PDB file of N, CA and C in Angstrom:
ATOM      1  N   UNK A   1       0.895  -1.194   0.019  1.00  0.00           N
ATOM      2  CA  UNK A   1      -0.010  -0.043  -0.087  1.00  0.00           C
ATOM      3  C   UNK A   1       0.867   1.235  -0.036  1.00  0.00           C
ATOM      4  N   UNK A   2       0.727   2.106  -0.956  1.00  0.00           N
ATOM      5  CA  UNK A   2       1.477   3.400  -1.013  1.00  0.00           C
ATOM      6  C   UNK A   2       0.626   4.395  -0.227  1.00  0.00           C
ATOM      7  N   UNK A   3       1.402   5.216   0.486  1.00  0.00           N
ATOM      8  CA  UNK A   3       0.837   6.257   1.296  1.00  0.00           C
ATOM      9  C   UNK A   3       1.165   7.549   0.583  1.00  0.00           C
ATOM     10  N   UNK A   4       0.221   8.523   0.413  1.00  0.00           N
ATOM     11  CA  UNK A   4       0.578   9.697  -0.357  1.00  0.00           C
ATOM     12  C   UNK A   4       1.070  10.717   0.646  1.00  0.00           C
ATOM     13  N   UNK A   5       1.588  11.833   0.264  1.00  0.00           N
ATOM     14  CA  UNK A   5       2.282  12.826   1.046  1.00  0.00           C
ATOM     15  C   UNK A   5       1.309  13.564   2.060  1.00  0.00           C
ATOM     16  N   UNK A   6      -0.032  13.471   1.718  1.00  0.00           N
ATOM     17  CA  UNK A   6      -0.892  14.177   2.574  1.00  0.00           C
ATOM     18  C   UNK A   6      -1.607  13.232   3.541  1.00  0.00           C
ATOM     19  N   UNK A   7      -1.073  12.058   3.914  1.00  0.00           N
ATOM     20  CA  UNK A   7      -1.595  11.092   4.737  1.00  0.00           C
ATOM     21  C   UNK A   7      -1.797  11.716   6.109  1.00  0.00           C
ATOM     22  N   UNK A   8      -2.793  11.489   6.728  1.00  0.00           N
ATOM     23  CA  UNK A   8      -3.182  11.933   8.106  1.00  0.00           C
ATOM     24  C   UNK A   8      -2.362  11.171   9.061  1.00  0.00           C
ATOM     25  N   UNK A   9      -1.476  11.817   9.888  1.00  0.00           N
ATOM     26  CA  UNK A   9      -0.536  11.157  10.607  1.00  0.00           C
ATOM     27  C   UNK A   9      -1.197  10.535  11.800  1.00  0.00           C
ATOM     28  N   UNK A  10      -2.389  10.655  12.080  1.00  0.00           N
ATOM     29  CA  UNK A  10      -3.056  10.098  13.224  1.00  0.00           C
ATOM     30  C   UNK A  10      -4.016   9.034  12.675  1.00  0.00           C
ATOM     31  N   UNK A  11      -4.078   8.784  11.402  1.00  0.00           N
ATOM     32  CA  UNK A  11      -4.893   7.706  10.895  1.00  0.00           C
ATOM     33  C   UNK A  11      -4.340   6.325  11.249  1.00  0.00           C
ATOM     34  N   UNK A  12      -5.184   5.439  11.788  1.00  0.00           N
ATOM     35  CA  UNK A  12      -4.617   4.169  12.301  1.00  0.00           C
ATOM     36  C   UNK A  12      -3.947   3.318  11.198  1.00  0.00           C
ATOM     37  N   UNK A  13      -4.257   3.605   9.906  1.00  0.00           N
ATOM     38  CA  UNK A  13      -3.576   2.868   8.864  1.00  0.00           C
ATOM     39  C   UNK A  13      -2.192   3.346   8.679  1.00  0.00           C
ATOM     40  N   UNK A  14      -1.986   4.645   8.943  1.00  0.00           N
ATOM     41  CA  UNK A  14      -0.697   5.249   8.893  1.00  0.00           C
ATOM     42  C   UNK A  14       0.237   4.630   9.917  1.00  0.00           C
ATOM     43  N   UNK A  15      -0.364   4.512  11.143  1.00  0.00           N
ATOM     44  CA  UNK A  15       0.400   4.019  12.268  1.00  0.00           C
ATOM     45  C   UNK A  15       0.715   2.546  12.044  1.00  0.00           C
ATOM     46  N   UNK A  16      -0.215   1.746  11.499  1.00  0.00           N
ATOM     47  CA  UNK A  16       0.133   0.373  11.141  1.00  0.00           C
ATOM     48  C   UNK A  16       1.223   0.260  10.168  1.00  0.00           C
ATOM     49  N   UNK A  17       1.262   1.077   9.232  1.00  0.00           N
ATOM     50  CA  UNK A  17       2.337   1.073   8.189  1.00  0.00           C
ATOM     51  C   UNK A  17       3.666   1.366   8.821  1.00  0.00           C
ATOM     52  N   UNK A  18       3.650   2.370   9.727  1.00  0.00           N
ATOM     53  CA  UNK A  18       4.851   2.729  10.455  1.00  0.00           C
ATOM     54  C   UNK A  18       5.326   1.561  11.331  1.00  0.00           C
ATOM     55  N   UNK A  19       4.435   0.886  12.001  1.00  0.00           N
ATOM     56  CA  UNK A  19       4.840  -0.348  12.850  1.00  0.00           C
ATOM     57  C   UNK A  19       5.390  -1.363  12.020  1.00  0.00           C
ATOM     58  N   UNK A  20       4.817  -1.611  10.737  1.00  0.00           N
ATOM     59  CA  UNK A  20       5.323  -2.619   9.800  1.00  0.00           C
ATOM     60  C   UNK A  20       6.732  -2.219   9.379  1.00  0.00           C
ATOM     61  N   UNK A  21       6.952  -0.923   9.043  1.00  0.00           N
ATOM     62  CA  UNK A  21       8.295  -0.547   8.693  1.00  0.00           C
ATOM     63  C   UNK A  21       9.265  -0.626   9.891  1.00  0.00           C
ATOM     64  N   UNK A  22       8.840  -0.329  11.002  1.00  0.00           N
ATOM     65  CA  UNK A  22       9.691  -0.626  12.176  1.00  0.00           C
ATOM     66  C   UNK A  22      10.095  -2.104  12.333  1.00  0.00           C
ATOM     67  N   UNK A  23       9.204  -3.004  12.089  1.00  0.00           N
ATOM     68  CA  UNK A  23       9.503  -4.464  12.140  1.00  0.00           C
ATOM     69  C   UNK A  23      10.535  -4.781  11.102  1.00  0.00           C
ATOM     70  N   UNK A  24      10.258  -4.232   9.899  1.00  0.00           N
ATOM     71  CA  UNK A  24      11.157  -4.570   8.848  1.00  0.00           C
ATOM     72  C   UNK A  24      12.604  -4.053   9.108  1.00  0.00           C
ATOM     73  N   UNK A  25      12.690  -2.799   9.546  1.00  0.00           N
ATOM     74  CA  UNK A  25      14.022  -2.240   9.849  1.00  0.00           C
ATOM     75  C   UNK A  25      14.705  -3.043  11.052  1.00  0.00           C
ATOM     76  N   UNK A  26      13.830  -3.334  12.006  1.00  0.00           N
ATOM     77  CA  UNK A  26      14.459  -4.101  13.160  1.00  0.00           C
ATOM     78  C   UNK A  26      15.020  -5.469  12.693  1.00  0.00           C
ATOM     79  N   UNK A  27      14.294  -6.132  11.851  1.00  0.00           N
ATOM     80  CA  UNK A  27      14.780  -7.445  11.192  1.00  0.00           C
ATOM     81  C   UNK A  27      16.183  -7.210  10.431  1.00  0.00           C
ATOM     82  N   UNK A  28      16.153  -6.173   9.688  1.00  0.00           N
ATOM     83  CA  UNK A  28      17.458  -5.879   8.930  1.00  0.00           C
ATOM     84  C   UNK A  28      18.509  -5.491   9.829  1.00  0.00           C
ATOM     85  N   UNK A  29      18.259  -4.720  10.902  1.00  0.00           N
ATOM     86  CA  UNK A  29      19.231  -4.301  11.844  1.00  0.00           C
ATOM     87  C   UNK A  29      19.790  -5.625  12.636  1.00  0.00           C
ATOM     88  N   UNK A  30      18.959  -6.513  12.991  1.00  0.00           N
ATOM     89  CA  UNK A  30      19.326  -7.676  13.735  1.00  0.00           C
ATOM     90  C   UNK A  30      20.249  -8.595  12.719  1.00  0.00           C
ATOM     91  N   UNK A  31      19.871  -8.675  11.490  1.00  0.00           N
ATOM     92  CA  UNK A  31      20.649  -9.396  10.560  1.00  0.00           C
ATOM     93  C   UNK A  31      21.968  -8.777  10.436  1.00  0.00           C
ATOM     94  N   UNK A  32      22.067  -7.490  10.194  1.00  0.00           N
ATOM     95  CA  UNK A  32      23.352  -6.788  10.097  1.00  0.00           C
ATOM     96  C   UNK A  32      24.236  -6.960  11.281  1.00  0.00           C
ATOM     97  N   UNK A  33      23.577  -7.009  12.447  1.00  0.00           N
ATOM     98  CA  UNK A  33      24.307  -7.167  13.805  1.00  0.00           C
ATOM     99  C   UNK A  33      24.880  -8.547  13.839  1.00  0.00           C
ATOM    100  N   UNK A  34      24.065  -9.524  13.407  1.00  0.00           N
ATOM    101  CA  UNK A  34      24.548 -10.807  13.589  1.00  0.00           C
ATOM    102  C   UNK A  34      25.646 -11.155  12.585  1.00  0.00           C
ATOM    103  N   UNK A  35      25.675 -10.435  11.448  1.00  0.00           N
ATOM    104  CA  UNK A  35      26.750 -10.559  10.481  1.00  0.00           C
ATOM    105  C   UNK A  35      28.053  -9.753  10.828  1.00  0.00           C
ATOM    106  N   UNK A  36      27.919  -9.037  11.966  1.00  0.00           N
ATOM    107  CA  UNK A  36      28.969  -8.171  12.462  1.00  0.00           C
ATOM    108  C   UNK A  36      29.439  -7.223  11.444  1.00  0.00           C
ATOM    109  N   UNK A  37      28.495  -6.486  10.835  1.00  0.00           N
ATOM    110  CA  UNK A  37      28.812  -5.369   9.899  1.00  0.00           C
ATOM    111  C   UNK A  37      28.482  -4.023  10.503  1.00  0.00           C
ATOM    112  N   UNK A  38      29.354  -3.366  11.051  1.00  0.00           N
ATOM    113  CA  UNK A  38      29.127  -2.210  11.907  1.00  0.00           C
ATOM    114  C   UNK A  38      28.399  -1.060  11.205  1.00  0.00           C
ATOM    115  N   UNK A  39      28.766  -0.647   9.942  1.00  0.00           N
ATOM    116  CA  UNK A  39      28.206   0.591   9.419  1.00  0.00           C
ATOM    117  C   UNK A  39      26.707   0.368   9.022  1.00  0.00           C
ATOM    118  N   UNK A  40      26.446  -0.740   8.343  1.00  0.00           N
ATOM    119  CA  UNK A  40      25.061  -0.906   8.071  1.00  0.00           C
ATOM    120  C   UNK A  40      24.126  -1.008   9.379  1.00  0.00           C
ATOM    121  N   UNK A  41      24.708  -1.686  10.447  1.00  0.00           N
ATOM    122  CA  UNK A  41      24.046  -1.778  11.625  1.00  0.00           C
ATOM    123  C   UNK A  41      23.782  -0.390  12.172  1.00  0.00           C
ATOM    124  N   UNK A  42      24.783   0.478  12.083  1.00  0.00           N
ATOM    125  CA  UNK A  42      24.631   1.873  12.607  1.00  0.00           C
ATOM    126  C   UNK A  42      23.530   2.649  11.707  1.00  0.00           C
ATOM    127  N   UNK A  43      23.610   2.578  10.470  1.00  0.00           N
ATOM    128  CA  UNK A  43      22.631   3.242   9.510  1.00  0.00           C
ATOM    129  C   UNK A  43      21.159   2.628   9.826  1.00  0.00           C
ATOM    130  N   UNK A  44      20.992   1.411  10.094  1.00  0.00           N
ATOM    131  CA  UNK A  44      19.727   0.873  10.385  1.00  0.00           C
ATOM    132  C   UNK A  44      19.278   1.368  11.657  1.00  0.00           C
ATOM    133  N   UNK A  45      20.174   1.518  12.719  1.00  0.00           N
ATOM    134  CA  UNK A  45      19.830   2.100  14.023  1.00  0.00           C
ATOM    135  C   UNK A  45      19.254   3.542  13.736  1.00  0.00           C
ATOM    136  N   UNK A  46      19.882   4.280  12.915  1.00  0.00           N
ATOM    137  CA  UNK A  46      19.260   5.599  12.733  1.00  0.00           C
ATOM    138  C   UNK A  46      17.974   5.533  11.989  1.00  0.00           C
ATOM    139  N   UNK A  47      17.852   4.631  11.114  1.00  0.00           N
ATOM    140  CA  UNK A  47      16.476   4.481  10.468  1.00  0.00           C
ATOM    141  C   UNK A  47      15.411   4.088  11.390  1.00  0.00           C
ATOM    142  N   UNK A  48      15.751   3.158  12.337  1.00  0.00           N
ATOM    143  CA  UNK A  48      14.844   2.708  13.237  1.00  0.00           C
ATOM    144  C   UNK A  48      14.429   3.925  14.200  1.00  0.00           C
ATOM    145  N   UNK A  49      15.416   4.677  14.599  1.00  0.00           N
ATOM    146  CA  UNK A  49      15.112   5.859  15.392  1.00  0.00           C
ATOM    147  C   UNK A  49      14.275   6.814  14.741  1.00  0.00           C
ATOM    148  N   UNK A  50      14.387   6.976  13.463  1.00  0.00           N
ATOM    149  CA  UNK A  50      13.579   7.905  12.721  1.00  0.00           C
ATOM    150  C   UNK A  50      12.153   7.415  12.650  1.00  0.00           C
ATOM    151  N   UNK A  51      12.026   6.129  12.362  1.00  0.00           N
ATOM    152  CA  UNK A  51      10.639   5.561  12.356  1.00  0.00           C
ATOM    153  C   UNK A  51       9.933   5.747  13.704  1.00  0.00           C
ATOM    154  N   UNK A  52      10.640   5.409  14.827  1.00  0.00           N
ATOM    155  CA  UNK A  52      10.045   5.669  16.065  1.00  0.00           C
ATOM    156  C   UNK A  52       9.754   7.172  16.396  1.00  0.00           C
ATOM    157  N   UNK A  53      10.527   8.036  15.886  1.00  0.00           N
ATOM    158  CA  UNK A  53      10.124   9.495  15.942  1.00  0.00           C
ATOM    159  C   UNK A  53       8.821   9.743  15.199  1.00  0.00           C
ATOM    160  N   UNK A  54       8.633   9.221  14.088  1.00  0.00           N
ATOM    161  CA  UNK A  54       7.355   9.440  13.451  1.00  0.00           C
ATOM    162  C   UNK A  54       6.177   8.699  14.142  1.00  0.00           C
ATOM    163  N   UNK A  55       6.391   7.550  14.724  1.00  0.00           N
ATOM    164  CA  UNK A  55       5.384   6.960  15.562  1.00  0.00           C
ATOM    165  C   UNK A  55       5.019   7.908  16.742  1.00  0.00           C
ATOM    166  N   UNK A  56       5.960   8.491  17.332  1.00  0.00           N
ATOM    167  CA  UNK A  56       5.721   9.487  18.390  1.00  0.00           C
ATOM    168  C   UNK A  56       4.925  10.726  17.927  1.00  0.00           C
ATOM    169  N   UNK A  57       5.342  11.185  16.755  1.00  0.00           N
ATOM    170  CA  UNK A  57       4.604  12.351  16.151  1.00  0.00           C
ATOM    171  C   UNK A  57       3.237  11.967  15.778  1.00  0.00           C
ATOM    172  N   UNK A  58       2.942  10.856  15.544  1.00  0.00           N
ATOM    173  CA  UNK A  58       1.529  10.398  15.125  1.00  0.00           C
ATOM    174  C   UNK A  58       0.676  10.413  16.346  1.00  0.00           C
ATOM    175  N   UNK A  59       1.165  10.412  17.577  1.00  0.00           N
ATOM    176  CA  UNK A  59       0.411  10.261  18.720  1.00  0.00           C
ATOM    177  C   UNK A  59      -0.012   8.948  19.155  1.00  0.00           C
ATOM    178  N   UNK A  60       0.609   7.933  18.464  1.00  0.00           N
ATOM    179  CA  UNK A  60       0.279   6.491  18.778  1.00  0.00           C
ATOM    180  C   UNK A  60       0.765   6.118  20.208  1.00  0.00           C
ATOM    181  N   UNK A  61       0.284   5.029  20.711  1.00  0.00           N
ATOM    182  CA  UNK A  61       0.773   4.433  22.010  1.00  0.00           C
ATOM    183  C   UNK A  61       2.139   3.851  21.750  1.00  0.00           C
ATOM    184  N   UNK A  62       3.161   4.544  22.172  1.00  0.00           N
ATOM    185  CA  UNK A  62       4.524   4.132  21.831  1.00  0.00           C
ATOM    186  C   UNK A  62       4.963   3.053  22.820  1.00  0.00           C
ATOM    187  N   UNK A  63       4.338   2.844  23.989  1.00  0.00           N
ATOM    188  CA  UNK A  63       4.758   1.979  25.040  1.00  0.00           C
ATOM    189  C   UNK A  63       4.798   0.465  24.335  1.00  0.00           C
ATOM    190  N   UNK A  64       3.758   0.097  23.583  1.00  0.00           N
ATOM    191  CA  UNK A  64       3.816  -1.130  23.015  1.00  0.00           C
ATOM    192  C   UNK A  64       4.852  -1.308  21.968  1.00  0.00           C
ATOM    193  N   UNK A  65       5.074  -0.348  21.220  1.00  0.00           N
ATOM    194  CA  UNK A  65       6.045  -0.295  20.227  1.00  0.00           C
ATOM    195  C   UNK A  65       7.517  -0.397  20.809  1.00  0.00           C
ATOM    196  N   UNK A  66       7.760   0.269  21.907  1.00  0.00           N
ATOM    197  CA  UNK A  66       8.975   0.357  22.538  1.00  0.00           C
ATOM    198  C   UNK A  66       9.202  -1.171  23.156  1.00  0.00           C
ATOM    199  N   UNK A  67       8.205  -1.741  23.735  1.00  0.00           N
ATOM    200  CA  UNK A  67       8.238  -3.029  24.289  1.00  0.00           C
ATOM    201  C   UNK A  67       8.651  -4.034  23.179  1.00  0.00           C
ATOM    202  N   UNK A  68       8.161  -3.912  22.054  1.00  0.00           N
ATOM    203  CA  UNK A  68       8.501  -4.731  20.852  1.00  0.00           C
ATOM    204  C   UNK A  68       9.926  -4.486  20.494  1.00  0.00           C
ATOM    205  N   UNK A  69      10.441  -3.320  20.536  1.00  0.00           N
ATOM    206  CA  UNK A  69      11.770  -2.956  20.154  1.00  0.00           C
ATOM    207  C   UNK A  69      12.662  -3.592  21.190  1.00  0.00           C
ATOM    208  N   UNK A  70      12.379  -3.408  22.491  1.00  0.00           N
ATOM    209  CA  UNK A  70      13.372  -3.985  23.443  1.00  0.00           C
ATOM    210  C   UNK A  70      13.390  -5.525  23.428  1.00  0.00           C
ATOM    211  N   UNK A  71      12.200  -6.096  23.093  1.00  0.00           N
ATOM    212  CA  UNK A  71      12.202  -7.579  22.907  1.00  0.00           C
ATOM    213  C   UNK A  71      13.026  -7.987  21.742  1.00  0.00           C
ATOM    214  N   UNK A  72      12.912  -7.159  20.628  1.00  0.00           N
ATOM    215  CA  UNK A  72      13.715  -7.521  19.407  1.00  0.00           C
ATOM    216  C   UNK A  72      15.173  -7.301  19.712  1.00  0.00           C
ATOM    217  N   UNK A  73      15.564  -6.353  20.533  1.00  0.00           N
ATOM    218  CA  UNK A  73      16.939  -5.986  20.832  1.00  0.00           C
ATOM    219  C   UNK A  73      17.543  -7.167  21.581  1.00  0.00           C
ATOM    220  N   UNK A  74      16.821  -7.797  22.320  1.00  0.00           N
ATOM    221  CA  UNK A  74      17.257  -9.001  23.165  1.00  0.00           C
ATOM    222  C   UNK A  74      17.243 -10.272  22.462  1.00  0.00           C
ATOM    223  N   UNK A  75      16.395 -10.359  21.405  1.00  0.00           N
ATOM    224  CA  UNK A  75      16.235 -11.579  20.602  1.00  0.00           C
ATOM    225  C   UNK A  75      17.514 -11.938  19.798  1.00  0.00           C
ATOM    226  N   UNK A  76      17.705 -13.258  19.705  1.00  0.00           N
ATOM    227  CA  UNK A  76      18.871 -13.677  18.975  1.00  0.00           C
ATOM    228  C   UNK A  76      18.258 -14.322  17.669  1.00  0.00           C
ATOM    229  N   UNK A  77      19.012 -13.955  16.566  1.00  0.00           N
ATOM    230  CA  UNK A  77      18.635 -14.472  15.349  1.00  0.00           C
ATOM    231  C   UNK A  77      19.021 -16.029  15.218  1.00  0.00           C
ATOM    232  N   UNK A  78      18.123 -16.801  14.639  1.00  0.00           N
ATOM    233  CA  UNK A  78      18.489 -18.229  14.540  1.00  0.00           C
ATOM    234  C   UNK A  78      18.888 -18.518  13.057  1.00  0.00           C
TER     235      UNK A  78
END
């Protein structure tokens, strides 16, 4: 689903898309970290931080998203 530039940032669909993006970036970050490649890991950390900033700006409940992030940070890739 493509979101246009005028998307309402408080629209539940927009927040769902941000959460999906956060999961995708988290997976990529974990993969880069497990491969021990520092610069891509750093870049993905920045990207994930930016996505979380957008989630905060949207007014969504960040506590659940942050709990997911912390859980992902502790998770080990198999």
